[in-house]
PDB file of all heavy atoms in Angstrom:
ATOM      1  N   ILE A   1     111.972  99.748  98.517  1.00  0.00           N
ATOM      2  CA  ILE A   1     110.539 100.007  98.572  1.00  0.00           C
ATOM      3  C   ILE A   1     110.302 101.508  98.477  1.00  0.00           C
ATOM      4  O   ILE A   1     110.935 102.294  99.153  1.00  0.00           O
ATOM      5  CB  ILE A   1     109.936  99.451  99.876  1.00  0.00           C
ATOM      6  CG1 ILE A   1     110.125  97.935  99.916  1.00  0.00           C
ATOM      7  CG2 ILE A   1     108.469  99.819  99.987  1.00  0.00           C
ATOM      8  CD1 ILE A   1     109.696  97.306 101.206  1.00  0.00           C
ATOM      9  N   THR A   2     109.384 101.913  97.607  1.00  0.00           N
ATOM     10  CA  THR A   2     109.038 103.318  97.433  1.00  0.00           C
ATOM     11  C   THR A   2     107.555 103.485  97.744  1.00  0.00           C
ATOM     12  O   THR A   2     106.724 102.735  97.236  1.00  0.00           O
ATOM     13  CB  THR A   2     109.315 103.780  95.994  1.00  0.00           C
ATOM     14  OG1 THR A   2     110.703 103.610  95.732  1.00  0.00           O
ATOM     15  CG2 THR A   2     108.950 105.231  95.802  1.00  0.00           C
ATOM     16  N   THR A   3     107.224 104.484  98.586  1.00  0.00           N
ATOM     17  CA  THR A   3     105.834 104.793  98.873  1.00  0.00           C
ATOM     18  C   THR A   3     105.587 106.251  98.548  1.00  0.00           C
ATOM     19  O   THR A   3     106.495 107.071  98.603  1.00  0.00           O
ATOM     20  CB  THR A   3     105.485 104.548 100.360  1.00  0.00           C
ATOM     21  OG1 THR A   3     106.357 105.340 101.171  1.00  0.00           O
ATOM     22  CG2 THR A   3     105.625 103.100 100.722  1.00  0.00           C
ATOM     23  N   ARG A   4     104.350 106.580  98.200  1.00  0.00           N
ATOM     24  CA  ARG A   4     103.968 107.953  97.887  1.00  0.00           C
ATOM     25  C   ARG A   4     103.166 108.498  99.041  1.00  0.00           C
ATOM     26  O   ARG A   4     102.418 107.776  99.685  1.00  0.00           O
ATOM     27  CB  ARG A   4     103.141 107.992  96.607  1.00  0.00           C
ATOM     28  CG  ARG A   4     103.928 107.546  95.390  1.00  0.00           C
ATOM     29  CD  ARG A   4     103.082 107.570  94.176  1.00  0.00           C
ATOM     30  NE  ARG A   4     102.684 108.944  93.920  1.00  0.00           N
ATOM     31  CZ  ARG A   4     101.822 109.280  92.983  1.00  0.00           C
ATOM     32  NH1 ARG A   4     101.274 108.370  92.240  1.00  0.00           N
ATOM     33  NH2 ARG A   4     101.501 110.531  92.781  1.00  0.00           N
ATOM     34  N   GLN A   5     103.308 109.772  99.306  1.00  0.00           N
ATOM     35  CA  GLN A   5     102.525 110.400 100.362  1.00  0.00           C
ATOM     36  C   GLN A   5     101.757 111.580  99.804  1.00  0.00           C
ATOM     37  O   GLN A   5     102.176 112.211  98.858  1.00  0.00           O
ATOM     38  CB  GLN A   5     103.430 110.849 101.500  1.00  0.00           C
ATOM     39  CG  GLN A   5     104.486 111.864 101.078  1.00  0.00           C
ATOM     40  CD  GLN A   5     105.379 112.261 102.223  1.00  0.00           C
ATOM     41  OE1 GLN A   5     105.034 112.051 103.354  1.00  0.00           O
ATOM     42  NE2 GLN A   5     106.512 112.818 101.917  1.00  0.00           N
ATOM     43  N   GLY A   6     100.637 111.861 100.419  1.00  0.00           N
ATOM     44  CA  GLY A   6      99.817 112.967  99.981  1.00  0.00           C
ATOM     45  C   GLY A   6      98.479 112.926 100.671  1.00  0.00           C
ATOM     46  O   GLY A   6      98.218 112.062 101.505  1.00  0.00           O
ATOM     47  N   PHE A   7      97.601 113.856 100.343  1.00  0.00           N
ATOM     48  CA  PHE A   7      96.292 113.933 100.992  1.00  0.00           C
ATOM     49  C   PHE A   7      95.461 112.701 100.656  1.00  0.00           C
ATOM     50  O   PHE A   7      94.958 112.026 101.519  1.00  0.00           O
ATOM     51  CB  PHE A   7      95.586 115.212 100.558  1.00  0.00           C
ATOM     52  CG  PHE A   7      94.188 115.328 101.097  1.00  0.00           C
ATOM     53  CD1 PHE A   7      93.960 115.435 102.450  1.00  0.00           C
ATOM     54  CD2 PHE A   7      93.111 115.303 100.245  1.00  0.00           C
ATOM     55  CE1 PHE A   7      92.678 115.528 102.946  1.00  0.00           C
ATOM     56  CE2 PHE A   7      91.830 115.408 100.726  1.00  0.00           C
ATOM     57  CZ  PHE A   7      91.614 115.513 102.086  1.00  0.00           C
ATOM     58  N   ILE A   8      95.315 112.425  99.383  1.00  0.00           N
ATOM     59  CA  ILE A   8      94.602 111.228  98.949  1.00  0.00           C
ATOM     60  C   ILE A   8      95.452 110.571  97.868  1.00  0.00           C
ATOM     61  O   ILE A   8      95.904 111.214  96.946  1.00  0.00           O
ATOM     62  CB  ILE A   8      93.202 111.559  98.409  1.00  0.00           C
ATOM     63  CG1 ILE A   8      92.334 112.101  99.549  1.00  0.00           C
ATOM     64  CG2 ILE A   8      92.560 110.329  97.786  1.00  0.00           C
ATOM     65  CD1 ILE A   8      90.937 112.451  99.124  1.00  0.00           C
ATOM     66  N   GLN A   9      95.654 109.292  98.010  1.00  0.00           N
ATOM     67  CA  GLN A   9      96.545 108.574  97.113  1.00  0.00           C
ATOM     68  C   GLN A   9      95.801 108.003  95.914  1.00  0.00           C
ATOM     69  O   GLN A   9      94.659 107.569  96.041  1.00  0.00           O
ATOM     70  CB  GLN A   9      97.207 107.418  97.864  1.00  0.00           C
ATOM     71  CG  GLN A   9      98.160 107.872  98.924  1.00  0.00           C
ATOM     72  CD  GLN A   9      99.287 108.657  98.332  1.00  0.00           C
ATOM     73  OE1 GLN A   9      99.956 108.204  97.431  1.00  0.00           O
ATOM     74  NE2 GLN A   9      99.502 109.849  98.820  1.00  0.00           N
ATOM     75  N   PRO A  10      96.469 107.992  94.765  1.00  0.00           N
ATOM     76  CA  PRO A  10      95.880 107.286  93.620  1.00  0.00           C
ATOM     77  C   PRO A  10      95.952 105.784  93.868  1.00  0.00           C
ATOM     78  O   PRO A  10      96.742 105.335  94.694  1.00  0.00           O
ATOM     79  CB  PRO A  10      96.792 107.702  92.451  1.00  0.00           C
ATOM     80  CG  PRO A  10      98.078 108.049  93.092  1.00  0.00           C
ATOM     81  CD  PRO A  10      97.751 108.594  94.448  1.00  0.00           C
ATOM     82  N   PRO A  11      95.126 105.011  93.195  1.00  0.00           N
ATOM     83  CA  PRO A  11      95.151 103.565  93.411  1.00  0.00           C
ATOM     84  C   PRO A  11      96.410 102.955  92.790  1.00  0.00           C
ATOM     85  O   PRO A  11      96.435 102.618  91.621  1.00  0.00           O
ATOM     86  CB  PRO A  11      93.874 103.075  92.722  1.00  0.00           C
ATOM     87  CG  PRO A  11      93.584 104.126  91.696  1.00  0.00           C
ATOM     88  CD  PRO A  11      94.101 105.419  92.253  1.00  0.00           C
ATOM     89  N   ILE A  12      97.456 102.850  93.591  1.00  0.00           N
ATOM     90  CA  ILE A  12      98.712 102.283  93.103  1.00  0.00           C
ATOM     91  C   ILE A  12      99.066 101.059  93.933  1.00  0.00           C
ATOM     92  O   ILE A  12      98.595 100.901  95.057  1.00  0.00           O
ATOM     93  CB  ILE A  12      99.872 103.300  93.168  1.00  0.00           C
ATOM     94  CG1 ILE A  12     100.107 103.754  94.596  1.00  0.00           C
ATOM     95  CG2 ILE A  12      99.616 104.481  92.273  1.00  0.00           C
ATOM     96  CD1 ILE A  12     101.382 104.545  94.792  1.00  0.00           C
ATOM     97  N   LYS A  13      99.879 100.243  93.390  1.00  0.00           N
ATOM     98  CA  LYS A  13     100.358  99.065  94.079  1.00  0.00           C
ATOM     99  C   LYS A  13     101.805  99.321  94.485  1.00  0.00           C
ATOM    100  O   LYS A  13     102.622  99.716  93.656  1.00  0.00           O
ATOM    101  CB  LYS A  13     100.279  97.863  93.140  1.00  0.00           C
ATOM    102  CG  LYS A  13     100.801  96.591  93.733  1.00  0.00           C
ATOM    103  CD  LYS A  13     100.706  95.466  92.729  1.00  0.00           C
ATOM    104  CE  LYS A  13     101.342  94.212  93.284  1.00  0.00           C
ATOM    105  NZ  LYS A  13     101.354  93.142  92.301  1.00  0.00           N
ATOM    106  N   ILE A  14     102.101  99.120  95.745  1.00  0.00           N
ATOM    107  CA  ILE A  14     103.476  99.278  96.216  1.00  0.00           C
ATOM    108  C   ILE A  14     104.180  97.950  96.010  1.00  0.00           C
ATOM    109  O   ILE A  14     103.710  96.903  96.454  1.00  0.00           O
ATOM    110  CB  ILE A  14     103.501  99.690  97.702  1.00  0.00           C
ATOM    111  CG1 ILE A  14     102.811 101.031  97.875  1.00  0.00           C
ATOM    112  CG2 ILE A  14     104.925  99.729  98.215  1.00  0.00           C
ATOM    113  CD1 ILE A  14     102.647 101.457  99.300  1.00  0.00           C
ATOM    114  N   SER A  15     105.273  97.992  95.298  1.00  0.00           N
ATOM    115  CA  SER A  15     105.998  96.763  95.020  1.00  0.00           C
ATOM    116  C   SER A  15     107.486  97.008  95.157  1.00  0.00           C
ATOM    117  O   SER A  15     107.942  98.135  95.228  1.00  0.00           O
ATOM    118  CB  SER A  15     105.669  96.253  93.612  1.00  0.00           C
ATOM    119  OG  SER A  15     106.059  97.220  92.660  1.00  0.00           O
ATOM    120  N   ARG A  16     108.234  95.967  95.165  1.00  0.00           N
ATOM    121  CA  ARG A  16     109.683  96.073  95.262  1.00  0.00           C
ATOM    122  C   ARG A  16     110.251  96.514  93.929  1.00  0.00           C
ATOM    123  O   ARG A  16     109.794  96.111  92.869  1.00  0.00           O
ATOM    124  CB  ARG A  16     110.284  94.739  95.652  1.00  0.00           C
ATOM    125  CG  ARG A  16     109.777  94.276  97.019  1.00  0.00           C
ATOM    126  CD  ARG A  16     110.616  93.208  97.524  1.00  0.00           C
ATOM    127  NE  ARG A  16     111.722  93.926  98.154  1.00  0.00           N
ATOM    128  CZ  ARG A  16     112.686  93.374  98.821  1.00  0.00           C
ATOM    129  NH1 ARG A  16     112.723  92.092  98.937  1.00  0.00           N
ATOM    130  NH2 ARG A  16     113.630  94.088  99.362  1.00  0.00           N
ATOM    131  N   ILE A  17     111.265  97.332  93.993  1.00  0.00           N
ATOM    132  CA  ILE A  17     111.940  97.798  92.795  1.00  0.00           C
ATOM    133  C   ILE A  17     113.226  97.003  92.653  1.00  0.00           C
ATOM    134  O   ILE A  17     114.041  96.960  93.577  1.00  0.00           O
ATOM    135  CB  ILE A  17     112.252  99.301  92.890  1.00  0.00           C
ATOM    136  CG1 ILE A  17     110.949 100.088  93.024  1.00  0.00           C
ATOM    137  CG2 ILE A  17     113.061  99.762  91.692  1.00  0.00           C
ATOM    138  CD1 ILE A  17     111.149 101.541  93.337  1.00  0.00           C
ATOM    139  N   ILE A  18     113.386  96.382  91.515  1.00  0.00           N
ATOM    140  CA  ILE A  18     114.600  95.606  91.271  1.00  0.00           C
ATOM    141  C   ILE A  18     115.645  96.561  90.727  1.00  0.00           C
ATOM    142  O   ILE A  18     115.476  97.158  89.670  1.00  0.00           O
ATOM    143  CB  ILE A  18     114.340  94.454  90.284  1.00  0.00           C
ATOM    144  CG1 ILE A  18     113.280  93.524  90.863  1.00  0.00           C
ATOM    145  CG2 ILE A  18     115.632  93.725  89.963  1.00  0.00           C
ATOM    146  CD1 ILE A  18     112.795  92.483  89.904  1.00  0.00           C
ATOM    147  N   VAL A  19     116.712  96.704  91.498  1.00  0.00           N
ATOM    148  CA  VAL A  19     117.773  97.623  91.109  1.00  0.00           C
ATOM    149  C   VAL A  19     118.807  96.847  90.306  1.00  0.00           C
ATOM    150  O   VAL A  19     119.349  95.850  90.772  1.00  0.00           O
ATOM    151  CB  VAL A  19     118.433  98.263  92.354  1.00  0.00           C
ATOM    152  CG1 VAL A  19     119.544  99.194  91.945  1.00  0.00           C
ATOM    153  CG2 VAL A  19     117.398  98.990  93.178  1.00  0.00           C
ATOM    154  N   GLU A  20     119.046  97.307  89.096  1.00  0.00           N
ATOM    155  CA  GLU A  20     120.076  96.684  88.280  1.00  0.00           C
ATOM    156  C   GLU A  20     121.020  97.778  87.799  1.00  0.00           C
ATOM    157  O   GLU A  20     120.657  98.942  87.748  1.00  0.00           O
ATOM    158  CB  GLU A  20     119.490  95.901  87.119  1.00  0.00           C
ATOM    159  CG  GLU A  20     118.632  96.711  86.189  1.00  0.00           C
ATOM    160  CD  GLU A  20     118.046  95.860  85.084  1.00  0.00           C
ATOM    161  OE1 GLU A  20     117.294  94.924  85.389  1.00  0.00           O
ATOM    162  OE2 GLU A  20     118.352  96.156  83.925  1.00  0.00           O
ATOM    163  N   ASP A  21     122.207  97.373  87.488  1.00  0.00           N
ATOM    164  CA  ASP A  21     123.214  98.331  87.071  1.00  0.00           C
ATOM    165  C   ASP A  21     122.853  98.869  85.695  1.00  0.00           C
ATOM    166  O   ASP A  21     122.833  98.136  84.719  1.00  0.00           O
ATOM    167  CB  ASP A  21     124.593  97.663  87.050  1.00  0.00           C
ATOM    168  CG  ASP A  21     125.702  98.638  86.721  1.00  0.00           C
ATOM    169  OD1 ASP A  21     125.501  99.854  86.880  1.00  0.00           O
ATOM    170  OD2 ASP A  21     126.780  98.181  86.301  1.00  0.00           O
ATOM    171  N   SER A  22     122.547 100.165  85.639  1.00  0.00           N
ATOM    172  CA  SER A  22     122.176 100.774  84.366  1.00  0.00           C
ATOM    173  C   SER A  22     123.236 101.756  83.891  1.00  0.00           C
ATOM    174  O   SER A  22     123.005 102.493  82.948  1.00  0.00           O
ATOM    175  CB  SER A  22     120.826 101.474  84.492  1.00  0.00           C
ATOM    176  OG  SER A  22     120.924 102.532  85.413  1.00  0.00           O
ATOM    177  N   ASN A  23     124.380 101.769  84.562  1.00  0.00           N
ATOM    178  CA  ASN A  23     125.456 102.677  84.165  1.00  0.00           C
ATOM    179  C   ASN A  23     126.346 102.018  83.124  1.00  0.00           C
ATOM    180  O   ASN A  23     126.751 100.871  83.272  1.00  0.00           O
ATOM    181  CB  ASN A  23     126.302 103.084  85.368  1.00  0.00           C
ATOM    182  CG  ASN A  23     125.532 103.972  86.316  1.00  0.00           C
ATOM    183  OD1 ASN A  23     124.662 104.711  85.904  1.00  0.00           O
ATOM    184  ND2 ASN A  23     125.855 103.886  87.586  1.00  0.00           N
ATOM    185  N   LEU A  24     126.634 102.760  82.099  1.00  0.00           N
ATOM    186  CA  LEU A  24     127.550 102.330  81.055  1.00  0.00           C
ATOM    187  C   LEU A  24     128.885 103.011  81.350  1.00  0.00           C
ATOM    188  O   LEU A  24     128.926 104.236  81.465  1.00  0.00           O
ATOM    189  CB  LEU A  24     126.996 102.756  79.694  1.00  0.00           C
ATOM    190  CG  LEU A  24     127.700 102.272  78.441  1.00  0.00           C
ATOM    191  CD1 LEU A  24     127.710 100.756  78.386  1.00  0.00           C
ATOM    192  CD2 LEU A  24     126.993 102.820  77.226  1.00  0.00           C
ATOM    193  N   ASN A  25     129.922 102.244  81.532  1.00  0.00           N
ATOM    194  CA  ASN A  25     131.231 102.810  81.856  1.00  0.00           C
ATOM    195  C   ASN A  25     131.959 103.186  80.575  1.00  0.00           C
ATOM    196  O   ASN A  25     132.214 102.343  79.728  1.00  0.00           O
ATOM    197  CB  ASN A  25     132.059 101.815  82.676  1.00  0.00           C
ATOM    198  CG  ASN A  25     131.426 101.535  84.027  1.00  0.00           C
ATOM    199  OD1 ASN A  25     130.950 102.463  84.668  1.00  0.00           O
ATOM    200  ND2 ASN A  25     131.388 100.288  84.425  1.00  0.00           N
ATOM    201  N   ALA A  26     132.277 104.482  80.459  1.00  0.00           N
ATOM    202  CA  ALA A  26     132.939 104.983  79.256  1.00  0.00           C
ATOM    203  C   ALA A  26     133.778 106.197  79.606  1.00  0.00           C
ATOM    204  O   ALA A  26     133.582 106.835  80.635  1.00  0.00           O
ATOM    205  CB  ALA A  26     131.909 105.332  78.192  1.00  0.00           C
ATOM    206  N   ALA A  27     134.698 106.514  78.722  1.00  0.00           N
ATOM    207  CA  ALA A  27     135.507 107.729  78.836  1.00  0.00           C
ATOM    208  C   ALA A  27     135.367 108.505  77.530  1.00  0.00           C
ATOM    209  O   ALA A  27     135.355 107.920  76.446  1.00  0.00           O
ATOM    210  CB  ALA A  27     136.967 107.376  79.086  1.00  0.00           C
ATOM    211  N   VAL A  28     135.246 109.826  77.658  1.00  0.00           N
ATOM    212  CA  VAL A  28     135.114 110.691  76.481  1.00  0.00           C
ATOM    213  C   VAL A  28     136.329 111.608  76.447  1.00  0.00           C
ATOM    214  O   VAL A  28     136.661 112.243  77.442  1.00  0.00           O
ATOM    215  CB  VAL A  28     133.827 111.532  76.558  1.00  0.00           C
ATOM    216  CG1 VAL A  28     133.736 112.475  75.371  1.00  0.00           C
ATOM    217  CG2 VAL A  28     132.606 110.639  76.612  1.00  0.00           C
ATOM    218  N   TYR A  29     136.991 111.643  75.301  1.00  0.00           N
ATOM    219  CA  TYR A  29     138.150 112.525  75.154  1.00  0.00           C
ATOM    220  C   TYR A  29     138.259 112.979  73.721  1.00  0.00           C
ATOM    221  O   TYR A  29     137.743 112.304  72.838  1.00  0.00           O
ATOM    222  CB  TYR A  29     139.431 111.804  75.610  1.00  0.00           C
ATOM    223  CG  TYR A  29     139.771 110.574  74.786  1.00  0.00           C
ATOM    224  CD1 TYR A  29     140.655 110.674  73.711  1.00  0.00           C
ATOM    225  CD2 TYR A  29     139.211 109.338  75.045  1.00  0.00           C
ATOM    226  CE1 TYR A  29     140.965 109.573  72.931  1.00  0.00           C
ATOM    227  CE2 TYR A  29     139.511 108.235  74.287  1.00  0.00           C
ATOM    228  CZ  TYR A  29     140.389 108.354  73.233  1.00  0.00           C
ATOM    229  OH  TYR A  29     140.697 107.267  72.466  1.00  0.00           O
ATOM    230  N   PRO A  30     138.885 114.071  73.390  1.00  0.00           N
ATOM    231  CA  PRO A  30     139.282 115.140  74.311  1.00  0.00           C
ATOM    232  C   PRO A  30     138.053 115.947  74.726  1.00  0.00           C
ATOM    233  O   PRO A  30     137.057 115.991  74.015  1.00  0.00           O
ATOM    234  CB  PRO A  30     140.220 115.997  73.475  1.00  0.00           C
ATOM    235  CG  PRO A  30     139.732 115.830  72.080  1.00  0.00           C
ATOM    236  CD  PRO A  30     139.212 114.413  72.003  1.00  0.00           C
ATOM    237  N   ASN A  31     138.159 116.575  75.852  1.00  0.00           N
ATOM    238  CA  ASN A  31     137.073 117.428  76.339  1.00  0.00           C
ATOM    239  C   ASN A  31     137.703 118.557  77.128  1.00  0.00           C
ATOM    240  O   ASN A  31     138.245 118.303  78.182  1.00  0.00           O
ATOM    241  CB  ASN A  31     136.107 116.636  77.215  1.00  0.00           C
ATOM    242  CG  ASN A  31     134.812 117.366  77.452  1.00  0.00           C
ATOM    243  OD1 ASN A  31     134.535 118.371  76.838  1.00  0.00           O
ATOM    244  ND2 ASN A  31     134.019 116.838  78.378  1.00  0.00           N
ATOM    245  N   PRO A  32     137.715 119.764  76.615  1.00  0.00           N
ATOM    246  CA  PRO A  32     137.009 120.310  75.460  1.00  0.00           C
ATOM    247  C   PRO A  32     137.549 119.766  74.133  1.00  0.00           C
ATOM    248  O   PRO A  32     138.688 119.339  74.044  1.00  0.00           O
ATOM    249  CB  PRO A  32     137.229 121.809  75.565  1.00  0.00           C
ATOM    250  CG  PRO A  32     138.202 122.042  76.648  1.00  0.00           C
ATOM    251  CD  PRO A  32     138.440 120.776  77.362  1.00  0.00           C
ATOM    252  N   PHE A  33     136.698 119.815  73.103  1.00  0.00           N
ATOM    253  CA  PHE A  33     137.062 119.276  71.790  1.00  0.00           C
ATOM    254  C   PHE A  33     136.886 120.357  70.740  1.00  0.00           C
ATOM    255  O   PHE A  33     136.233 121.367  70.961  1.00  0.00           O
ATOM    256  CB  PHE A  33     136.205 118.044  71.456  1.00  0.00           C
ATOM    257  CG  PHE A  33     134.761 118.353  71.209  1.00  0.00           C
ATOM    258  CD1 PHE A  33     134.284 118.497  69.920  1.00  0.00           C
ATOM    259  CD2 PHE A  33     133.866 118.494  72.257  1.00  0.00           C
ATOM    260  CE1 PHE A  33     132.947 118.779  69.677  1.00  0.00           C
ATOM    261  CE2 PHE A  33     132.530 118.767  72.029  1.00  0.00           C
ATOM    262  CZ  PHE A  33     132.071 118.914  70.734  1.00  0.00           C
ATOM    263  N   GLU A  34     137.490 120.099  69.563  1.00  0.00           N
ATOM    264  CA  GLU A  34     137.365 121.049  68.454  1.00  0.00           C
ATOM    265  C   GLU A  34     136.407 120.556  67.384  1.00  0.00           C
ATOM    266  O   GLU A  34     135.586 121.315  66.889  1.00  0.00           O
ATOM    267  CB  GLU A  34     138.739 121.336  67.846  1.00  0.00           C
ATOM    268  CG  GLU A  34     139.613 122.145  68.768  1.00  0.00           C
ATOM    269  CD  GLU A  34     140.950 122.494  68.130  1.00  0.00           C
ATOM    270  OE1 GLU A  34     141.076 122.348  66.903  1.00  0.00           O
ATOM    271  OE2 GLU A  34     141.843 122.891  68.880  1.00  0.00           O
ATOM    272  N   SER A  35     136.512 119.281  66.985  1.00  0.00           N
ATOM    273  CA  SER A  35     135.627 118.788  65.932  1.00  0.00           C
ATOM    274  C   SER A  35     135.120 117.372  66.186  1.00  0.00           C
ATOM    275  O   SER A  35     134.007 117.049  65.816  1.00  0.00           O
ATOM    276  CB  SER A  35     136.322 118.853  64.575  1.00  0.00           C
ATOM    277  OG  SER A  35     137.458 118.026  64.578  1.00  0.00           O
TER     278      SER A  35
END
């Protein structure tokens, strides 16, 4: 759950955030590289 704080809030709806895996597993080589 995420809430915003401040003097006066914009008209927003607080809702649940669905967390899903957005990481792509990869390896980059060589690093440093030449071309």
